[in-house]
Amino acid sequence: TNDLKNAWKVIENADVGGVIINDIPTFRADNMPYGGVKGSGIGR
């Protein structure tokens, strides 16, 4: 998205461990805190 308000809405309201703006959720840097909520796990 190029709409900052929409991006922030997702950041605040998506029930996930990570929000990646203007890229895919498949992004992972190996030094970042990686993990999820709900059935995606516990811890990072």
PDB file of all heavy atoms in Angstrom:
ATOM      1  N   THR A   1       0.839  -1.194   0.000  1.00  0.00           N
ATOM      2  CA  THR A   1       0.000   0.000   0.000  1.00  0.00           C
ATOM      3  C   THR A   1       0.873   1.242   0.000  1.00  0.00           C
ATOM      4  O   THR A   1       2.015   1.216   0.480  1.00  0.00           O
ATOM      5  CB  THR A   1      -0.925   0.030   1.229  1.00  0.00           C
ATOM      6  OG1 THR A   1      -1.770   1.183   1.167  1.00  0.00           O
ATOM      7  CG2 THR A   1      -0.132   0.073   2.526  1.00  0.00           C
ATOM      8  N   ASN A   2       0.347   2.324  -0.544  1.00  0.00           N
ATOM      9  CA  ASN A   2       0.981   3.636  -0.422  1.00  0.00           C
ATOM     10  C   ASN A   2       0.126   4.569   0.420  1.00  0.00           C
ATOM     11  O   ASN A   2       0.331   5.780   0.420  1.00  0.00           O
ATOM     12  CB  ASN A   2       1.226   4.249  -1.815  1.00  0.00           C
ATOM     13  CG  ASN A   2       2.377   3.560  -2.524  1.00  0.00           C
ATOM     14  OD1 ASN A   2       3.475   3.447  -1.976  1.00  0.00           O
ATOM     15  ND2 ASN A   2       2.134   3.082  -3.736  1.00  0.00           N
ATOM     16  N   ASP A   3      -0.808   3.986   1.148  1.00  0.00           N
ATOM     17  CA  ASP A   3      -1.693   4.739   2.038  1.00  0.00           C
ATOM     18  C   ASP A   3      -1.233   4.487   3.469  1.00  0.00           C
ATOM     19  O   ASP A   3      -1.420   3.396   4.013  1.00  0.00           O
ATOM     20  CB  ASP A   3      -3.135   4.269   1.841  1.00  0.00           C
ATOM     21  CG  ASP A   3      -4.145   5.098   2.627  1.00  0.00           C
ATOM     22  OD1 ASP A   3      -3.817   5.522   3.755  1.00  0.00           O
ATOM     23  OD2 ASP A   3      -5.265   5.289   2.129  1.00  0.00           O
ATOM     24  N   LEU A   4      -0.635   5.496   4.084  1.00  0.00           N
ATOM     25  CA  LEU A   4      -0.066   5.342   5.421  1.00  0.00           C
ATOM     26  C   LEU A   4      -1.140   4.976   6.450  1.00  0.00           C
ATOM     27  O   LEU A   4      -0.893   4.171   7.353  1.00  0.00           O
ATOM     28  CB  LEU A   4       0.648   6.635   5.838  1.00  0.00           C
ATOM     29  CG  LEU A   4       1.332   6.616   7.209  1.00  0.00           C
ATOM     30  CD1 LEU A   4       2.374   5.503   7.286  1.00  0.00           C
ATOM     31  CD2 LEU A   4       1.971   7.967   7.514  1.00  0.00           C
ATOM     32  N   LYS A   5      -2.322   5.540   6.314  1.00  0.00           N
ATOM     33  CA  LYS A   5      -3.391   5.243   7.267  1.00  0.00           C
ATOM     34  C   LYS A   5      -3.788   3.767   7.187  1.00  0.00           C
ATOM     35  O   LYS A   5      -4.010   3.121   8.212  1.00  0.00           O
ATOM     36  CB  LYS A   5      -4.600   6.145   7.011  1.00  0.00           C
ATOM     37  CG  LYS A   5      -4.384   7.598   7.402  1.00  0.00           C
ATOM     38  CD  LYS A   5      -5.656   8.412   7.209  1.00  0.00           C
ATOM     39  CE  LYS A   5      -5.458   9.864   7.652  1.00  0.00           C
ATOM     40  NZ  LYS A   5      -6.696  10.675   7.446  1.00  0.00           N
ATOM     41  N   ASN A   6      -3.893   3.243   5.984  1.00  0.00           N
ATOM     42  CA  ASN A   6      -4.237   1.835   5.835  1.00  0.00           C
ATOM     43  C   ASN A   6      -3.131   0.932   6.378  1.00  0.00           C
ATOM     44  O   ASN A   6      -3.401  -0.095   7.016  1.00  0.00           O
ATOM     45  CB  ASN A   6      -4.519   1.502   4.371  1.00  0.00           C
ATOM     46  CG  ASN A   6      -5.906   1.949   3.931  1.00  0.00           C
ATOM     47  OD1 ASN A   6      -6.723   2.359   4.746  1.00  0.00           O
ATOM     48  ND2 ASN A   6      -6.168   1.867   2.636  1.00  0.00           N
ATOM     49  N   ALA A   7      -1.886   1.321   6.115  1.00  0.00           N
ATOM     50  CA  ALA A   7      -0.765   0.545   6.644  1.00  0.00           C
ATOM     51  C   ALA A   7      -0.828   0.500   8.166  1.00  0.00           C
ATOM     52  O   ALA A   7      -0.649  -0.569   8.781  1.00  0.00           O
ATOM     53  CB  ALA A   7       0.560   1.152   6.183  1.00  0.00           C
ATOM     54  N   TRP A   8      -1.111   1.642   8.758  1.00  0.00           N
ATOM     55  CA  TRP A   8      -1.144   1.690  10.226  1.00  0.00           C
ATOM     56  C   TRP A   8      -2.334   0.919  10.784  1.00  0.00           C
ATOM     57  O   TRP A   8      -2.233   0.312  11.855  1.00  0.00           O
ATOM     58  CB  TRP A   8      -1.168   3.133  10.716  1.00  0.00           C
ATOM     59  CG  TRP A   8      -0.857   3.207  12.186  1.00  0.00           C
ATOM     60  CD1 TRP A   8      -1.713   3.474  13.203  1.00  0.00           C
ATOM     61  CD2 TRP A   8       0.404   2.925  12.789  1.00  0.00           C
ATOM     62  NE1 TRP A   8      -1.070   3.395  14.410  1.00  0.00           N
ATOM     63  CE2 TRP A   8       0.245   3.072  14.188  1.00  0.00           C
ATOM     64  CE3 TRP A   8       1.666   2.602  12.295  1.00  0.00           C
ATOM     65  CZ2 TRP A   8       1.274   2.876  15.085  1.00  0.00           C
ATOM     66  CZ3 TRP A   8       2.701   2.405  13.185  1.00  0.00           C
ATOM     67  CH2 TRP A   8       2.501   2.540  14.567  1.00  0.00           C
ATOM     68  N   LYS A   9      -3.446   0.911  10.061  1.00  0.00           N
ATOM     69  CA  LYS A   9      -4.591   0.115  10.500  1.00  0.00           C
ATOM     70  C   LYS A   9      -4.232  -1.358  10.589  1.00  0.00           C
ATOM     71  O   LYS A   9      -4.618  -2.056  11.526  1.00  0.00           O
ATOM     72  CB  LYS A   9      -5.770   0.299   9.528  1.00  0.00           C
ATOM     73  CG  LYS A   9      -6.729   1.408   9.885  1.00  0.00           C
ATOM     74  CD  LYS A   9      -8.000   1.300   9.061  1.00  0.00           C
ATOM     75  CE  LYS A   9      -9.029   2.348   9.526  1.00  0.00           C
ATOM     76  NZ  LYS A   9     -10.292   2.211   8.768  1.00  0.00           N
ATOM     77  N   VAL A  10      -3.499  -1.842   9.599  1.00  0.00           N
ATOM     78  CA  VAL A  10      -3.090  -3.244   9.612  1.00  0.00           C
ATOM     79  C   VAL A  10      -2.113  -3.499  10.756  1.00  0.00           C
ATOM     80  O   VAL A  10      -2.227  -4.490  11.488  1.00  0.00           O
ATOM     81  CB  VAL A  10      -2.457  -3.650   8.266  1.00  0.00           C
ATOM     82  CG1 VAL A  10      -2.004  -5.114   8.318  1.00  0.00           C
ATOM     83  CG2 VAL A  10      -3.434  -3.447   7.119  1.00  0.00           C
ATOM     84  N   ILE A  11      -1.170  -2.596  10.939  1.00  0.00           N
ATOM     85  CA  ILE A  11      -0.192  -2.741  12.021  1.00  0.00           C
ATOM     86  C   ILE A  11      -0.902  -2.875  13.364  1.00  0.00           C
ATOM     87  O   ILE A  11      -0.556  -3.723  14.190  1.00  0.00           O
ATOM     88  CB  ILE A  11       0.787  -1.549  12.029  1.00  0.00           C
ATOM     89  CG1 ILE A  11       1.692  -1.592  10.787  1.00  0.00           C
ATOM     90  CG2 ILE A  11       1.634  -1.538  13.300  1.00  0.00           C
ATOM     91  CD1 ILE A  11       2.503  -0.332  10.565  1.00  0.00           C
ATOM     92  N   GLU A  12      -1.902  -2.043  13.584  1.00  0.00           N
ATOM     93  CA  GLU A  12      -2.585  -2.028  14.882  1.00  0.00           C
ATOM     94  C   GLU A  12      -3.576  -3.172  15.062  1.00  0.00           C
ATOM     95  O   GLU A  12      -3.810  -3.613  16.190  1.00  0.00           O
ATOM     96  CB  GLU A  12      -3.321  -0.694  15.064  1.00  0.00           C
ATOM     97  CG  GLU A  12      -2.397   0.486  15.350  1.00  0.00           C
ATOM     98  CD  GLU A  12      -3.173   1.681  15.887  1.00  0.00           C
ATOM     99  OE1 GLU A  12      -4.243   1.987  15.333  1.00  0.00           O
ATOM    100  OE2 GLU A  12      -2.704   2.294  16.859  1.00  0.00           O
ATOM    101  N   ASN A  13      -4.152  -3.679  13.971  1.00  0.00           N
ATOM    102  CA  ASN A  13      -5.300  -4.574  14.119  1.00  0.00           C
ATOM    103  C   ASN A  13      -5.091  -6.000  13.623  1.00  0.00           C
ATOM    104  O   ASN A  13      -5.919  -6.870  13.920  1.00  0.00           O
ATOM    105  CB  ASN A  13      -6.514  -3.972  13.398  1.00  0.00           C
ATOM    106  CG  ASN A  13      -6.961  -2.661  14.029  1.00  0.00           C
ATOM    107  OD1 ASN A  13      -7.441  -2.636  15.157  1.00  0.00           O
ATOM    108  ND2 ASN A  13      -6.789  -1.566  13.314  1.00  0.00           N
ATOM    109  N   ALA A  14      -4.042  -6.253  12.907  1.00  0.00           N
ATOM    110  CA  ALA A  14      -3.790  -7.624  12.460  1.00  0.00           C
ATOM    111  C   ALA A  14      -3.244  -8.442  13.627  1.00  0.00           C
ATOM    112  O   ALA A  14      -2.305  -8.022  14.314  1.00  0.00           O
ATOM    113  CB  ALA A  14      -2.796  -7.632  11.301  1.00  0.00           C
ATOM    114  N   ASP A  15      -3.831  -9.612  13.858  1.00  0.00           N
ATOM    115  CA  ASP A  15      -3.413 -10.482  14.965  1.00  0.00           C
ATOM    116  C   ASP A  15      -2.260 -11.370  14.503  1.00  0.00           C
ATOM    117  O   ASP A  15      -2.428 -12.556  14.203  1.00  0.00           O
ATOM    118  CB  ASP A  15      -4.583 -11.343  15.433  1.00  0.00           C
ATOM    119  CG  ASP A  15      -5.689 -10.524  16.061  1.00  0.00           C
ATOM    120  OD1 ASP A  15      -5.396  -9.434  16.580  1.00  0.00           O
ATOM    121  OD2 ASP A  15      -6.854 -10.980  16.022  1.00  0.00           O
ATOM    122  N   VAL A  16      -1.076 -10.762  14.430  1.00  0.00           N
ATOM    123  CA  VAL A  16       0.110 -11.457  13.930  1.00  0.00           C
ATOM    124  C   VAL A  16       1.331 -11.018  14.724  1.00  0.00           C
ATOM    125  O   VAL A  16       1.307 -10.009  15.433  1.00  0.00           O
ATOM    126  CB  VAL A  16       0.344 -11.161  12.429  1.00  0.00           C
ATOM    127  CG1 VAL A  16      -0.766 -11.740  11.571  1.00  0.00           C
ATOM    128  CG2 VAL A  16       0.467  -9.657  12.182  1.00  0.00           C
ATOM    129  N   GLY A  17       2.395 -11.774  14.571  1.00  0.00           N
ATOM    130  CA  GLY A  17       3.652 -11.418  15.234  1.00  0.00           C
ATOM    131  C   GLY A  17       4.490 -10.435  14.457  1.00  0.00           C
ATOM    132  O   GLY A  17       5.388  -9.803  15.009  1.00  0.00           O
ATOM    133  N   GLY A  18       4.219 -10.289  13.152  1.00  0.00           N
ATOM    134  CA  GLY A  18       5.006  -9.378  12.337  1.00  0.00           C
ATOM    135  C   GLY A  18       4.197  -8.813  11.187  1.00  0.00           C
ATOM    136  O   GLY A  18       3.427  -9.525  10.539  1.00  0.00           O
ATOM    137  N   VAL A  19       4.343  -7.512  10.925  1.00  0.00           N
ATOM    138  CA  VAL A  19       3.678  -6.847   9.802  1.00  0.00           C
ATOM    139  C   VAL A  19       4.767  -6.290   8.887  1.00  0.00           C
ATOM    140  O   VAL A  19       5.605  -5.497   9.316  1.00  0.00           O
ATOM    141  CB  VAL A  19       2.757  -5.706  10.284  1.00  0.00           C
ATOM    142  CG1 VAL A  19       2.077  -5.027   9.098  1.00  0.00           C
ATOM    143  CG2 VAL A  19       1.709  -6.244  11.255  1.00  0.00           C
ATOM    144  N   ILE A  20       4.749  -6.708   7.630  1.00  0.00           N
ATOM    145  CA  ILE A  20       5.782  -6.322   6.666  1.00  0.00           C
ATOM    146  C   ILE A  20       5.133  -5.400   5.641  1.00  0.00           C
ATOM    147  O   ILE A  20       4.271  -5.822   4.864  1.00  0.00           O
ATOM    148  CB  ILE A  20       6.384  -7.554   5.967  1.00  0.00           C
ATOM    149  CG1 ILE A  20       6.679  -8.678   6.979  1.00  0.00           C
ATOM    150  CG2 ILE A  20       7.640  -7.150   5.204  1.00  0.00           C
ATOM    151  CD1 ILE A  20       7.666  -8.327   8.059  1.00  0.00           C
ATOM    152  N   ILE A  21       5.532  -4.138   5.645  1.00  0.00           N
ATOM    153  CA  ILE A  21       4.921  -3.142   4.774  1.00  0.00           C
ATOM    154  C   ILE A  21       5.651  -3.092   3.435  1.00  0.00           C
ATOM    155  O   ILE A  21       6.867  -2.961   3.374  1.00  0.00           O
ATOM    156  CB  ILE A  21       4.930  -1.754   5.425  1.00  0.00           C
ATOM    157  CG1 ILE A  21       4.262  -1.789   6.816  1.00  0.00           C
ATOM    158  CG2 ILE A  21       4.243  -0.728   4.520  1.00  0.00           C
ATOM    159  CD1 ILE A  21       2.807  -2.193   6.786  1.00  0.00           C
ATOM    160  N   ASN A  22       4.873  -3.199   2.364  1.00  0.00           N
ATOM    161  CA  ASN A  22       5.370  -3.201   0.991  1.00  0.00           C
ATOM    162  C   ASN A  22       6.381  -4.309   0.715  1.00  0.00           C
ATOM    163  O   ASN A  22       7.349  -4.144  -0.031  1.00  0.00           O
ATOM    164  CB  ASN A  22       5.924  -1.829   0.608  1.00  0.00           C
ATOM    165  CG  ASN A  22       4.797  -0.836   0.338  1.00  0.00           C
ATOM    166  OD1 ASN A  22       3.747  -1.210  -0.173  1.00  0.00           O
ATOM    167  ND2 ASN A  22       4.999   0.418   0.715  1.00  0.00           N
ATOM    168  N   ASP A  23       6.117  -5.434   1.356  1.00  0.00           N
ATOM    169  CA  ASP A  23       6.858  -6.662   1.065  1.00  0.00           C
ATOM    170  C   ASP A  23       5.999  -7.834   1.532  1.00  0.00           C
ATOM    171  O   ASP A  23       4.956  -7.648   2.157  1.00  0.00           O
ATOM    172  CB  ASP A  23       8.227  -6.671   1.744  1.00  0.00           C
ATOM    173  CG  ASP A  23       9.245  -7.527   0.982  1.00  0.00           C
ATOM    174  OD1 ASP A  23       8.815  -8.387   0.180  1.00  0.00           O
ATOM    175  OD2 ASP A  23      10.456  -7.355   1.196  1.00  0.00           O
ATOM    176  N   ILE A  24       6.454  -9.029   1.247  1.00  0.00           N
ATOM    177  CA  ILE A  24       5.694 -10.233   1.556  1.00  0.00           C
ATOM    178  C   ILE A  24       5.953 -10.702   2.990  1.00  0.00           C
ATOM    179  O   ILE A  24       6.986 -10.385   3.579  1.00  0.00           O
ATOM    180  CB  ILE A  24       6.057 -11.354   0.566  1.00  0.00           C
ATOM    181  CG1 ILE A  24       7.586 -11.493   0.422  1.00  0.00           C
ATOM    182  CG2 ILE A  24       5.398 -11.106  -0.778  1.00  0.00           C
ATOM    183  CD1 ILE A  24       8.038 -12.583  -0.503  1.00  0.00           C
ATOM    184  N   PRO A  25       5.029 -11.496   3.557  1.00  0.00           N
ATOM    185  CA  PRO A  25       5.239 -11.997   4.921  1.00  0.00           C
ATOM    186  C   PRO A  25       6.377 -12.998   4.999  1.00  0.00           C
ATOM    187  O   PRO A  25       6.818 -13.342   6.098  1.00  0.00           O
ATOM    188  CB  PRO A  25       3.891 -12.671   5.244  1.00  0.00           C
ATOM    189  CG  PRO A  25       3.327 -13.045   3.913  1.00  0.00           C
ATOM    190  CD  PRO A  25       3.742 -11.940   2.986  1.00  0.00           C
ATOM    191  N   THR A  26       6.864 -13.438   3.843  1.00  0.00           N
ATOM    192  CA  THR A  26       7.960 -14.408   3.793  1.00  0.00           C
ATOM    193  C   THR A  26       9.294 -13.775   4.162  1.00  0.00           C
ATOM    194  O   THR A  26      10.294 -14.486   4.322  1.00  0.00           O
ATOM    195  CB  THR A  26       8.027 -15.019   2.375  1.00  0.00           C
ATOM    196  OG1 THR A  26       6.699 -15.195   1.873  1.00  0.00           O
ATOM    197  CG2 THR A  26       8.718 -16.370   2.387  1.00  0.00           C
ATOM    198  N   PHE A  27       9.331 -12.451   4.317  1.00  0.00           N
ATOM    199  CA  PHE A  27      10.575 -11.795   4.735  1.00  0.00           C
ATOM    200  C   PHE A  27      10.942 -12.190   6.164  1.00  0.00           C
ATOM    201  O   PHE A  27      10.118 -12.119   7.079  1.00  0.00           O
ATOM    202  CB  PHE A  27      10.439 -10.275   4.660  1.00  0.00           C
ATOM    203  CG  PHE A  27      11.585  -9.547   5.314  1.00  0.00           C
ATOM    204  CD1 PHE A  27      12.804  -9.433   4.668  1.00  0.00           C
ATOM    205  CD2 PHE A  27      11.454  -9.016   6.591  1.00  0.00           C
ATOM    206  CE1 PHE A  27      13.867  -8.791   5.279  1.00  0.00           C
ATOM    207  CE2 PHE A  27      12.512  -8.371   7.209  1.00  0.00           C
ATOM    208  CZ  PHE A  27      13.727  -8.261   6.543  1.00  0.00           C
ATOM    209  N   ARG A  28      12.192 -12.596   6.330  1.00  0.00           N
ATOM    210  CA  ARG A  28      12.727 -12.835   7.670  1.00  0.00           C
ATOM    211  C   ARG A  28      14.212 -12.522   7.679  1.00  0.00           C
ATOM    212  O   ARG A  28      14.981 -13.077   6.895  1.00  0.00           O
ATOM    213  CB  ARG A  28      12.514 -14.276   8.115  1.00  0.00           C
ATOM    214  CG  ARG A  28      13.102 -14.554   9.501  1.00  0.00           C
ATOM    215  CD  ARG A  28      12.934 -15.997   9.926  1.00  0.00           C
ATOM    216  NE  ARG A  28      13.479 -16.239  11.257  1.00  0.00           N
ATOM    217  CZ  ARG A  28      13.508 -17.419  11.874  1.00  0.00           C
ATOM    218  NH1 ARG A  28      13.012 -18.490  11.268  1.00  0.00           N
ATOM    219  NH2 ARG A  28      14.015 -17.540  13.083  1.00  0.00           N
ATOM    220  N   ALA A  29      14.620 -11.615   8.541  1.00  0.00           N
ATOM    221  CA  ALA A  29      16.035 -11.402   8.825  1.00  0.00           C
ATOM    222  C   ALA A  29      16.368 -12.254  10.043  1.00  0.00           C
ATOM    223  O   ALA A  29      15.594 -12.285  11.007  1.00  0.00           O
ATOM    224  CB  ALA A  29      16.315  -9.924   9.099  1.00  0.00           C
ATOM    225  N   ASP A  30      17.487 -12.944  10.009  1.00  0.00           N
ATOM    226  CA  ASP A  30      17.748 -13.943  11.045  1.00  0.00           C
ATOM    227  C   ASP A  30      18.110 -13.355  12.408  1.00  0.00           C
ATOM    228  O   ASP A  30      18.245 -14.109  13.375  1.00  0.00           O
ATOM    229  CB  ASP A  30      18.831 -14.912  10.559  1.00  0.00           C
ATOM    230  CG  ASP A  30      18.301 -15.840   9.479  1.00  0.00           C
ATOM    231  OD1 ASP A  30      17.401 -16.633   9.782  1.00  0.00           O
ATOM    232  OD2 ASP A  30      18.766 -15.743   8.324  1.00  0.00           O
ATOM    233  N   ASN A  31      18.243 -12.051  12.503  1.00  0.00           N
ATOM    234  CA  ASN A  31      18.476 -11.430  13.814  1.00  0.00           C
ATOM    235  C   ASN A  31      17.230 -10.754  14.374  1.00  0.00           C
ATOM    236  O   ASN A  31      17.267 -10.162  15.446  1.00  0.00           O
ATOM    237  CB  ASN A  31      19.615 -10.403  13.723  1.00  0.00           C
ATOM    238  CG  ASN A  31      19.316  -9.264  12.763  1.00  0.00           C
ATOM    239  OD1 ASN A  31      18.528  -9.436  11.826  1.00  0.00           O
ATOM    240  ND2 ASN A  31      19.934  -8.122  12.968  1.00  0.00           N
ATOM    241  N   MET A  32      16.108 -10.840  13.670  1.00  0.00           N
ATOM    242  CA  MET A  32      14.898 -10.170  14.145  1.00  0.00           C
ATOM    243  C   MET A  32      14.118 -11.084  15.096  1.00  0.00           C
ATOM    244  O   MET A  32      14.298 -12.306  15.075  1.00  0.00           O
ATOM    245  CB  MET A  32      14.022  -9.763  12.956  1.00  0.00           C
ATOM    246  CG  MET A  32      13.271 -10.905  12.299  1.00  0.00           C
ATOM    247  SD  MET A  32      12.442 -10.376  10.766  1.00  0.00           S
ATOM    248  CE  MET A  32      10.814 -11.108  10.991  1.00  0.00           C
ATOM    249  N   PRO A  33      13.246 -10.514  15.918  1.00  0.00           N
ATOM    250  CA  PRO A  33      12.378 -11.357  16.753  1.00  0.00           C
ATOM    251  C   PRO A  33      11.300 -11.978  15.883  1.00  0.00           C
ATOM    252  O   PRO A  33      10.411 -11.292  15.379  1.00  0.00           O
ATOM    253  CB  PRO A  33      11.791 -10.373  17.773  1.00  0.00           C
ATOM    254  CG  PRO A  33      11.870  -9.038  17.109  1.00  0.00           C
ATOM    255  CD  PRO A  33      13.057  -9.079  16.202  1.00  0.00           C
ATOM    256  N   TYR A  34      11.375 -13.281  15.699  1.00  0.00           N
ATOM    257  CA  TYR A  34      10.506 -13.980  14.762  1.00  0.00           C
ATOM    258  C   TYR A  34       9.608 -14.954  15.510  1.00  0.00           C
ATOM    259  O   TYR A  34      10.086 -15.820  16.242  1.00  0.00           O
ATOM    260  CB  TYR A  34      11.349 -14.735  13.736  1.00  0.00           C
ATOM    261  CG  TYR A  34      10.560 -15.638  12.820  1.00  0.00           C
ATOM    262  CD1 TYR A  34       9.822 -15.105  11.768  1.00  0.00           C
ATOM    263  CD2 TYR A  34      10.565 -17.015  13.009  1.00  0.00           C
ATOM    264  CE1 TYR A  34       9.096 -15.933  10.923  1.00  0.00           C
ATOM    265  CE2 TYR A  34       9.846 -17.847  12.172  1.00  0.00           C
ATOM    266  CZ  TYR A  34       9.119 -17.300  11.128  1.00  0.00           C
ATOM    267  OH  TYR A  34       8.409 -18.132  10.306  1.00  0.00           O
ATOM    268  N   GLY A  35       8.316 -14.806  15.317  1.00  0.00           N
ATOM    269  CA  GLY A  35       7.352 -15.695  15.954  1.00  0.00           C
ATOM    270  C   GLY A  35       5.960 -15.126  15.803  1.00  0.00           C
ATOM    271  O   GLY A  35       5.771 -14.050  15.224  1.00  0.00           O
ATOM    272  N   GLY A  36       4.979 -15.859  16.315  1.00  0.00           N
ATOM    273  CA  GLY A  36       3.606 -15.441  16.092  1.00  0.00           C
ATOM    274  C   GLY A  36       2.730 -15.492  17.318  1.00  0.00           C
ATOM    275  O   GLY A  36       3.206 -15.711  18.443  1.00  0.00           O
ATOM    276  N   VAL A  37       1.453 -15.282  17.078  1.00  0.00           N
ATOM    277  CA  VAL A  37       0.430 -15.308  18.126  1.00  0.00           C
ATOM    278  C   VAL A  37      -0.581 -16.402  17.778  1.00  0.00           C
ATOM    279  O   VAL A  37      -0.502 -17.042  16.747  1.00  0.00           O
ATOM    280  CB  VAL A  37      -0.252 -13.933  18.270  1.00  0.00           C
ATOM    281  CG1 VAL A  37       0.768 -12.868  18.627  1.00  0.00           C
ATOM    282  CG2 VAL A  37      -0.972 -13.536  16.966  1.00  0.00           C
ATOM    283  N   LYS A  38      -1.537 -16.595  18.669  1.00  0.00           N
ATOM    284  CA  LYS A  38      -2.572 -17.619  18.488  1.00  0.00           C
ATOM    285  C   LYS A  38      -1.914 -18.968  18.211  1.00  0.00           C
ATOM    286  O   LYS A  38      -0.968 -19.362  18.893  1.00  0.00           O
ATOM    287  CB  LYS A  38      -3.549 -17.187  17.381  1.00  0.00           C
ATOM    288  CG  LYS A  38      -4.257 -15.865  17.663  1.00  0.00           C
ATOM    289  CD  LYS A  38      -5.402 -15.587  16.711  1.00  0.00           C
ATOM    290  CE  LYS A  38      -4.988 -15.353  15.299  1.00  0.00           C
ATOM    291  NZ  LYS A  38      -6.103 -14.925  14.419  1.00  0.00           N
ATOM    292  N   GLY A  39      -2.390 -19.685  17.200  1.00  0.00           N
ATOM    293  CA  GLY A  39      -1.861 -21.012  16.917  1.00  0.00           C
ATOM    294  C   GLY A  39      -0.505 -21.026  16.264  1.00  0.00           C
ATOM    295  O   GLY A  39       0.028 -22.098  15.971  1.00  0.00           O
ATOM    296  N   SER A  40       0.071 -19.858  16.031  1.00  0.00           N
ATOM    297  CA  SER A  40       1.400 -19.810  15.408  1.00  0.00           C
ATOM    298  C   SER A  40       2.538 -19.945  16.405  1.00  0.00           C
ATOM    299  O   SER A  40       3.699 -19.998  15.994  1.00  0.00           O
ATOM    300  CB  SER A  40       1.562 -18.509  14.599  1.00  0.00           C
ATOM    301  OG  SER A  40       0.831 -18.589  13.397  1.00  0.00           O
ATOM    302  N   GLY A  41       2.226 -19.983  17.702  1.00  0.00           N
ATOM    303  CA  GLY A  41       3.296 -20.320  18.623  1.00  0.00           C
ATOM    304  C   GLY A  41       3.430 -19.454  19.849  1.00  0.00           C
ATOM    305  O   GLY A  41       2.580 -18.607  20.149  1.00  0.00           O
ATOM    306  N   ILE A  42       4.545 -19.696  20.548  1.00  0.00           N
ATOM    307  CA  ILE A  42       4.873 -19.030  21.811  1.00  0.00           C
ATOM    308  C   ILE A  42       6.340 -18.637  21.762  1.00  0.00           C
ATOM    309  O   ILE A  42       7.199 -19.457  21.438  1.00  0.00           O
ATOM    310  CB  ILE A  42       4.657 -19.964  23.019  1.00  0.00           C
ATOM    311  CG1 ILE A  42       3.214 -20.480  23.063  1.00  0.00           C
ATOM    312  CG2 ILE A  42       5.014 -19.272  24.329  1.00  0.00           C
ATOM    313  CD1 ILE A  42       3.016 -21.602  24.056  1.00  0.00           C
ATOM    314  N   GLY A  43       6.649 -17.401  22.127  1.00  0.00           N
ATOM    315  CA  GLY A  43       8.043 -16.975  22.178  1.00  0.00           C
ATOM    316  C   GLY A  43       8.540 -16.487  20.829  1.00  0.00           C
ATOM    317  O   GLY A  43       7.798 -16.434  19.842  1.00  0.00           O
ATOM    318  N   ARG A  44       9.808 -16.132  20.790  1.00  0.00           N
ATOM    319  CA  ARG A  44      10.415 -15.589  19.586  1.00  0.00           C
ATOM    320  C   ARG A  44      11.775 -16.230  19.325  1.00  0.00           C
ATOM    321  O   ARG A  44      12.545 -16.482  20.257  1.00  0.00           O
ATOM    322  CB  ARG A  44      10.586 -14.065  19.691  1.00  0.00           C
ATOM    323  CG  ARG A  44       9.281 -13.283  19.756  1.00  0.00           C
ATOM    324  CD  ARG A  44       8.513 -13.397  18.453  1.00  0.00           C
ATOM    325  NE  ARG A  44       7.252 -12.646  18.459  1.00  0.00           N
ATOM    326  CZ  ARG A  44       6.091 -13.137  18.824  1.00  0.00           C
ATOM    327  NH1 ARG A  44       6.011 -14.394  19.275  1.00  0.00           N
ATOM    328  NH2 ARG A  44       4.991 -12.418  18.762  1.00  0.00           N
TER     329      ARG A  44
END
